[in-house]
Protein backbone atom coordinates (compact mmCIF):
# COMPACT_ATOMS: atom_id res chain seq x y z
CA MET A 1 184.79 15.39 103.09
CA ARG A 2 188.04 15.65 102.54
CA MET A 3 188.10 15.23 99.51
CA LEU A 4 185.50 18.22 99.34
CA ILE A 5 187.89 20.54 101.88
CA THR A 6 190.73 19.52 99.36
CA ILE A 7 188.65 20.57 96.14
CA ARG A 8 188.17 23.51 98.08
CA SER A 9 191.29 24.51 99.07
CA LEU A 10 192.69 24.03 95.17
CA PHE A 11 189.80 26.42 94.38
CA LEU A 12 191.01 28.84 96.29
CA LEU A 13 194.75 28.52 95.72
CA SER A 14 193.70 28.44 92.20
CA CYS A 15 191.61 31.42 92.36
CA LEU A 16 194.71 33.28 94.70
CA TRP A 17 197.20 32.51 92.28
CA LEU A 18 195.10 33.74 89.32
CA SER A 19 194.37 37.11 90.86
CA ALA A 20 197.84 37.36 91.60
CA PHE A 21 198.79 36.65 88.39
CA SER A 22 196.15 39.13 86.67
CA LYS A 23 197.73 41.53 89.20
CA ASP A 24 201.03 41.50 88.34
CA SER A 25 200.99 40.66 84.16
CA LEU A 26 197.69 41.79 82.75
CA GLY A 27 199.23 44.31 80.94
CA GLN A 28 201.84 41.71 79.67
CA GLN A 29 198.65 38.26 79.34
CA LYS A 30 196.03 40.50 76.96
CA ASP A 31 196.46 39.76 73.13
CA PHE A 32 195.58 42.95 71.53
CA ASN A 33 195.39 41.20 68.21
CA ASP A 34 193.24 38.59 68.59
CA TYR A 35 190.75 39.78 65.95
CA PRO A 36 189.08 37.19 63.64
CA ASP A 37 190.82 36.55 60.88
CA GLN A 38 187.81 38.64 58.84
CA VAL A 39 187.43 41.04 61.23
CA ALA A 40 191.67 41.83 61.49
CA LYS A 41 191.45 41.42 57.22
CA TYR A 42 188.66 44.45 57.25
CA LEU A 43 190.32 46.86 60.30
CA GLU A 44 193.42 46.69 57.76
CA ARG A 45 191.77 47.76 54.80
CA VAL A 46 189.89 50.36 56.70
CA TYR A 47 192.79 51.88 58.15
CA GLU A 48 194.92 51.83 55.25
CA LYS A 49 197.78 51.87 57.10
CA SER A 50 199.78 53.43 53.97
CA ARG A 51 197.58 56.54 54.77
CA ARG A 52 198.28 56.30 58.19
CA ARG A 53 201.68 57.47 56.95
CA ALA A 54 200.38 61.33 55.10
CA GLY A 55 201.36 63.34 58.34
CA ILE A 56 204.54 62.24 59.20
CA HIS A 57 207.90 64.84 58.44
CA PRO A 58 209.22 64.09 55.80
CA GLN A 59 212.47 63.44 57.57
CA VAL A 60 210.88 61.27 59.48
CA ARG A 61 210.12 59.24 56.36
CA ASP A 62 213.29 59.56 55.21
CA GLU A 63 211.84 61.71 52.28
CA SER A 64 213.50 64.77 51.00
CA PRO A 65 213.62 67.49 54.19
CA LYS A 66 211.32 70.12 54.71
CA SER A 67 211.22 72.57 57.33
CA TRP A 68 209.88 71.67 60.45
CA ASP A 69 207.79 74.74 61.17
CA ASP A 70 206.39 74.71 57.88
CA TRP A 71 205.17 71.35 58.43
CA GLN A 72 203.95 71.56 62.26
CA ARG A 73 202.05 74.18 60.85
CA PRO A 74 199.35 72.62 58.52
CA MET A 75 199.27 70.08 60.24
CA ARG A 76 198.50 71.51 63.18
CA GLU A 77 195.64 73.69 61.99
CA LYS A 78 194.29 70.27 60.63
CA LEU A 79 194.24 69.20 64.25
CA HIS A 80 191.85 72.00 65.24
CA ARG A 81 189.67 71.10 62.61
CA GLN A 82 189.11 67.67 63.27
CA LEU A 83 188.74 67.78 66.79
CA GLY A 84 185.93 71.13 66.30
CA ILE A 85 187.21 73.72 67.14
CA PRO A 86 186.40 75.80 64.38
CA GLN A 87 182.74 74.79 65.50
CA MET A 88 183.10 76.07 69.16
CA VAL A 89 184.19 79.45 67.46
CA THR A 90 181.41 79.72 65.51
CA SER A 91 179.22 78.72 68.64
CA VAL A 92 181.01 81.20 71.25
CA GLY A 93 180.46 84.28 69.60
CA GLU A 94 181.65 87.02 71.12
CA HIS A 95 181.55 85.01 74.17
CA GLN A 96 184.15 86.66 76.64
CA PRO A 97 185.60 83.90 80.04
CA THR A 98 185.22 85.14 83.00
CA VAL A 99 186.28 83.31 86.60
CA GLN A 100 184.88 84.14 90.26
CA LEU A 101 187.67 83.40 92.47
CA ASP A 102 187.25 82.10 96.62
CA PRO A 103 188.72 83.31 99.68
CA PRO A 104 191.84 82.20 100.09
CA GLN A 105 192.42 79.28 102.10
CA ASP A 106 196.02 78.68 104.25
CA LEU A 107 197.40 75.83 104.13
CA GLY A 108 201.17 76.88 105.78
CA ASP A 109 203.58 76.70 103.19
CA TYR A 110 201.08 77.28 99.83
CA VAL A 111 197.12 79.24 99.76
CA ARG A 112 194.59 76.99 98.19
CA ARG A 113 191.54 78.67 96.43
CA ALA A 114 188.46 77.27 94.70
CA GLY A 115 187.23 78.76 91.10
CA VAL A 116 184.94 78.74 88.46
CA ILE A 117 185.91 79.75 84.85
CA GLU A 118 182.54 79.98 82.32
CA THR A 119 184.41 78.84 79.02
CA GLU A 120 181.62 78.90 76.83
CA PRO A 121 178.21 80.25 77.61
CA ASN A 122 176.48 77.47 80.01
CA VAL A 123 179.91 76.09 80.71
CA THR A 124 181.62 76.57 83.81
CA ILE A 125 184.63 74.90 84.46
CA ALA A 126 185.40 74.12 88.55
CA PHE A 127 188.87 74.89 89.28
CA TRP A 128 191.68 74.88 92.43
CA MET A 129 194.46 77.46 91.93
CA LEU A 130 197.48 76.38 94.88
CA GLN A 131 200.03 79.34 95.11
CA PRO A 132 203.02 79.83 96.75
CA LYS A 133 204.28 81.95 99.50
CA SER A 134 207.14 82.34 98.19
CA GLU A 135 208.38 85.03 95.64
CA GLY A 136 207.40 84.96 92.07
CA PRO A 137 208.09 84.66 89.21
CA TRP A 138 206.50 81.15 89.65
CA PRO A 139 206.63 78.65 86.52
CA LEU A 140 202.71 78.21 85.88
CA ALA A 141 201.29 74.37 85.95
CA LEU A 142 197.62 72.61 85.09
CA PHE A 143 197.00 69.23 86.08
CA PRO A 144 193.90 67.72 84.32
CA HIS A 145 192.13 64.90 85.41
CA GLY A 146 190.83 61.60 83.96
CA HIS A 147 188.02 59.62 84.88
CA ASP A 148 187.13 60.85 88.29
CA ARG A 149 184.43 62.98 88.99
CA ILE A 150 186.01 64.37 91.96
CA GLY A 151 189.67 63.96 90.14
CA HIS A 152 190.04 68.00 90.37
CA LYS A 153 189.59 68.04 93.88
CA THR A 154 192.17 64.96 94.86
CA THR A 155 194.57 66.57 92.34
CA ALA A 156 194.87 69.42 94.85
CA GLY A 157 195.17 67.45 98.08
CA VAL A 158 191.03 67.68 98.62
CA TYR A 159 189.15 65.25 100.02
CA ASP A 160 185.91 63.68 100.59
CA ASN A 161 186.98 61.49 103.10
CA GLU A 162 190.53 59.88 104.49
CA GLN A 163 189.67 56.84 102.32
CA GLN A 164 190.16 59.59 99.52
CA GLN A 165 193.04 60.77 100.79
CA GLN A 166 194.84 57.37 101.35
CA ARG A 167 194.37 55.84 97.93
CA ALA A 168 195.88 59.25 96.29
CA LEU A 169 198.82 60.10 98.74
CA ALA A 170 199.33 55.99 97.44
CA GLU A 171 199.56 57.01 93.93
CA ASP A 172 200.87 60.06 94.32
CA ARG A 173 197.19 61.77 92.45
CA ASP A 174 197.93 65.52 94.62
CA VAL A 175 199.89 66.37 92.29
CA ALA A 176 198.96 69.75 92.11
CA VAL A 177 200.22 69.87 96.18
CA GLN A 178 203.60 68.74 95.05
CA ALA A 179 203.46 71.06 92.06
CA VAL A 180 203.10 74.21 94.21
CA LYS A 181 205.43 72.70 97.39
CA ARG A 182 208.29 72.51 94.70
CA GLY A 183 207.77 76.85 93.81
CA PHE A 184 204.57 75.82 90.57
CA LEU A 185 202.15 78.70 90.98
CA ALA A 186 200.00 75.16 90.49
CA ILE A 187 195.79 74.67 88.69
CA ALA A 188 194.14 71.69 89.38
CA PRO A 189 190.45 72.09 86.33
CA ALA A 190 187.65 69.84 86.82
CA ILE A 191 187.76 68.01 82.99
CA ARG A 192 184.76 68.05 80.90
CA GLY A 193 182.85 65.19 80.37
CA LEU A 194 184.78 63.40 82.85
CA SER A 195 183.65 65.32 86.21
CA THR A 196 179.69 66.21 86.89
CA ASN A 197 180.04 69.04 83.79
CA GLY A 198 179.34 67.00 81.40
CA VAL A 199 176.06 65.51 79.19
CA PRO A 200 174.62 62.88 81.67
CA ASP A 201 173.36 59.01 80.19
CA LEU A 202 170.01 59.98 80.52
CA HIS A 203 168.23 56.70 80.82
CA GLU A 204 171.55 55.21 80.64
CA ARG A 205 170.84 55.15 76.81
CA HIS A 206 175.39 55.25 76.45
CA GLY A 207 175.99 51.76 78.66
CA ARG A 208 175.94 54.37 82.08
CA ARG A 209 178.35 56.17 80.86
CA ASP A 210 178.24 60.08 80.88
CA CYS A 211 182.00 60.86 79.52
CA ARG A 212 180.05 58.90 76.07
CA SER A 213 176.89 60.44 76.43
CA HIS A 214 179.19 64.05 76.13
CA LEU A 215 180.73 62.74 73.30
CA MET A 216 178.29 61.92 71.18
CA HIS A 217 176.61 65.02 71.69
CA CYS A 218 179.77 66.27 70.72
CA LEU A 219 180.46 63.69 67.50
CA LEU A 220 176.15 65.40 66.28
CA ALA A 221 177.32 68.88 66.25
CA GLY A 222 180.59 68.42 64.66
CA ARG A 223 182.80 68.54 67.86
CA THR A 224 184.57 66.13 70.03
CA ALA A 225 184.86 65.81 73.80
CA ILE A 226 188.52 66.13 73.63
CA GLY A 227 188.08 69.38 71.36
CA GLU A 228 186.77 70.77 74.34
CA ARG A 229 188.81 69.61 76.82
CA VAL A 230 191.51 71.66 75.05
CA TRP A 231 189.74 74.47 74.08
CA ASP A 232 188.68 74.69 78.23
CA MET A 233 192.73 74.37 79.00
CA GLN A 234 193.53 77.05 76.87
CA ARG A 235 190.81 79.73 78.64
CA ILE A 236 192.72 78.91 81.64
CA ILE A 237 195.42 79.39 80.61
CA ASP A 238 194.63 82.71 78.26
CA TRP A 239 193.80 83.65 82.30
CA ALA A 240 196.42 82.18 84.20
CA THR A 241 199.32 83.49 82.13
CA GLN A 242 198.51 87.42 83.33
CA LEU A 243 197.80 87.12 86.78
CA ASP A 244 200.74 88.22 88.44
CA ASN A 245 204.22 86.76 89.29
CA VAL A 246 203.57 83.92 86.88
CA ASN A 247 206.39 83.03 84.75
CA SER A 248 204.63 81.60 81.29
CA GLN A 249 208.00 80.92 79.82
CA HIS A 250 207.29 77.71 81.57
CA LEU A 251 204.09 76.46 81.13
CA MET A 252 203.75 73.37 82.13
CA MET A 253 201.13 70.02 81.86
CA MET A 254 200.89 66.81 83.51
CA GLY A 255 197.93 64.40 83.60
CA ASN A 256 197.72 61.07 84.61
CA SER A 257 194.73 58.98 82.08
CA GLY A 258 192.09 60.86 80.37
CA GLY A 259 194.18 63.37 81.89
CA GLY A 260 197.48 62.46 79.85
CA MET A 261 194.92 62.68 76.69
CA VAL A 262 194.37 66.08 77.69
CA THR A 263 197.92 67.15 78.07
CA LEU A 264 199.15 65.70 75.20
CA PHE A 265 196.25 67.24 72.52
CA THR A 266 196.65 70.25 74.57
CA ALA A 267 200.10 70.59 74.25
CA ALA A 268 199.57 69.95 70.82
CA CYS A 269 197.28 72.13 69.89
CA ASP A 270 199.34 75.24 71.95
CA GLU A 271 202.75 76.39 71.61
CA ARG A 272 202.72 78.24 74.87
CA VAL A 273 202.95 74.79 76.59
CA LYS A 274 206.56 74.33 77.06
CA ILE A 275 206.35 70.96 79.07
CA ALA A 276 204.23 67.95 78.86
CA VAL A 277 204.15 65.43 80.94
CA PRO A 278 201.15 62.85 80.30
CA SER A 279 201.06 59.71 82.44
CA CYS A 280 199.95 56.47 81.36
CA SER A 281 198.27 57.83 78.40
CA PHE A 282 201.31 57.36 75.97
CA ALA A 283 200.20 54.41 73.93
CA PRO A 284 199.56 54.44 69.83
CA SER A 285 195.67 54.80 69.31
CA VAL A 286 195.33 51.06 68.15
CA SER A 287 197.43 48.25 68.33
CA GLU A 288 198.85 46.59 65.55
CA SER A 289 195.13 45.20 63.86
CA GLY A 290 193.78 47.66 65.41
CA TYR A 291 192.74 47.17 68.76
CA ILE A 292 191.26 50.93 70.56
CA PHE A 293 193.76 51.12 74.12
CA HIS A 294 191.39 54.16 75.30
CA CYS A 295 188.32 55.73 75.83
CA ASP A 296 185.87 56.79 73.94
CA CYS A 297 185.53 59.49 74.88
CA ASN A 298 189.19 60.42 73.48
CA MET A 299 187.97 59.64 69.15
CA VAL A 300 188.80 61.98 67.09
CA PRO A 301 187.56 61.29 64.00
CA GLY A 302 190.15 60.47 61.56
CA LEU A 303 193.24 60.64 63.58
CA LEU A 304 194.83 57.67 62.27
CA GLU A 305 195.86 60.76 59.38
CA PHE A 306 197.99 61.81 61.63
CA ASP A 307 199.29 58.43 62.71
CA GLY A 308 197.59 58.34 65.53
CA LEU A 309 198.31 59.96 68.97
CA PRO A 310 202.39 59.57 68.15
CA GLY A 311 201.25 61.42 65.49
CA VAL A 312 199.81 64.10 67.89
CA ALA A 313 202.50 64.03 70.16
CA ARG A 314 205.22 64.52 67.16
CA LEU A 315 203.23 68.25 67.52
CA ILE A 316 204.99 69.11 70.41
CA ALA A 317 208.50 68.55 69.20
CA PRO A 318 210.44 70.37 69.92
CA ARG A 319 209.18 70.98 73.18
CA ARG A 320 209.45 69.17 75.97
CA LEU A 321 207.60 65.58 76.84
CA LEU A 322 208.10 63.75 79.05
CA ALA A 323 206.32 60.04 79.02
CA VAL A 324 206.05 57.87 82.03
CA ASN A 325 204.10 54.75 81.67
CA GLY A 326 203.32 51.14 84.48
CA ARG A 327 204.93 48.23 82.51
CA GLN A 328 201.51 46.67 85.38
CA ASP A 329 199.48 49.04 82.92
CA PRO A 330 196.61 46.65 82.10
CA LEU A 331 195.20 48.86 79.68
CA PHE A 332 198.17 49.21 77.60
CA SER A 333 200.30 46.79 75.89
CA VAL A 334 204.27 47.28 76.39
CA SER A 335 205.49 46.44 73.01
CA ALA A 336 202.80 49.02 71.73
CA ILE A 337 203.91 51.52 73.21
CA GLU A 338 207.71 50.87 72.96
CA ARG A 339 206.03 51.53 69.14
CA ALA A 340 205.49 54.91 70.33
CA ILE A 341 208.52 55.46 71.58
CA ALA A 342 209.98 54.67 68.87
CA GLN A 343 207.62 56.44 66.47
CA VAL A 344 208.05 59.97 69.05
CA LYS A 345 212.00 59.56 69.17
CA ALA A 346 212.05 59.23 65.12
CA ALA A 347 210.79 63.10 65.47
CA TYR A 348 212.59 64.48 67.97
CA LEU A 349 215.84 63.62 66.49
CA ALA A 350 214.35 64.97 63.10
CA SER A 351 213.63 68.39 64.80
CA GLY A 352 216.93 68.50 66.22
CA TYR A 353 216.64 68.33 70.09
CA PRO A 354 216.60 64.40 69.95
CA GLU A 355 216.98 64.88 74.29
CA ARG A 356 214.17 66.96 74.25
CA PHE A 357 211.62 63.48 74.47
CA GLN A 358 211.85 61.38 77.40
CA HIS A 359 210.21 58.06 78.32
CA ARG A 360 210.22 56.79 81.59
CA TRP A 361 209.04 53.08 83.01
CA GLY A 362 207.49 53.16 86.15
CA ALA A 363 207.35 49.36 88.36
CA GLU A 364 203.33 49.39 89.13
CA GLY A 365 200.09 50.02 86.95
CA HIS A 366 197.71 52.28 85.76
CA ARG A 367 198.84 55.91 88.82
CA PHE A 368 201.45 58.71 88.67
CA TYR A 369 204.97 57.96 89.60
CA SER A 370 206.36 61.13 91.11
CA HIS A 371 209.37 60.13 91.48
CA LEU A 372 210.36 59.56 87.88
CA MET A 373 208.50 62.74 86.81
CA TRP A 374 210.04 65.74 88.90
CA PRO A 375 213.53 65.00 88.87
CA TYR A 376 213.15 65.36 85.49
CA LEU A 377 211.12 68.41 85.61
CA MET A 378 212.69 70.39 88.34
CA ASP A 379 216.03 70.03 85.65
CA VAL A 380 214.69 71.26 82.85
CA LEU A 381 214.00 74.46 85.28
CA LYS A 382 217.37 74.86 86.29
CA ASP A 383 218.51 74.42 82.47
């Protein structure tokens, strides 16, 4: 009996140790390149590493110099095509987005309003708009959320219960509230395919993943899910930049996880975004051996022709880009993130504005890090 208790105690201790170990170090312990040799060789061949560099600016490749704008323009047009945006333009036709706003809610030092925008026929995107009571003009900020059906609500400080509120505040998720208190007009939209506004996984055909179901329908139509999200953000920007007391010269986007991906792609496609702040999403598309770091719904066919996500980030230069990652985030490899940092740094150096790209490491996992973001952003606004 005593031996049984001892064995049980050792088992419980080992479980506790493994739990703590995985929580603190999981991101460092995963081998993101651990494919069988035959698979690794296949991935290396189909990805054709030499092709990945085709989209890199000549100055970054240490080849003949070329105008940064002359390089970016065709690459941005190509990214639009890869995202399926021309197909959306054709499908939408003459549709003009309409916006409906609910009466304002007075929350003391700011006002919050619920709204809906129809970005294409039969597609409505809910959002919250948080407006300062201070005199404008106010800088404008968009806060796309990640894989969270109520993400736009928690972003705007709207909670269904106390547990949601406690988690949101513990992980700095109420970023729209943080922004409006700093003088921004803040908009927190529900992201298509990540909220309740996508194509649901009927009969669980796509692994009980609504975002994957939505992606598959997009691909069948020549679209991408991330392309639709970029489209939605651009229609919101069209509307919001025309509001009274908005200073559109300081348009900022910030998002965590999938919201960070929406931030990166929108900023790459739309030069109206002056400051991009992706959180826990900045990483190469694949590891050295081809492990895909990001969710299926962020897939863009042929993205490695841009050198993956670092190539997308290069299209933001020389506008400001602040990328934040958590060192204990289990979804990414620290070494892969550092590789992406070096690649994007080289691009910003070639653009002539190396100081406009910054990277910050948070000490924890997959979350926002407000103390790393806002000091930088407020300094940028002062400049």
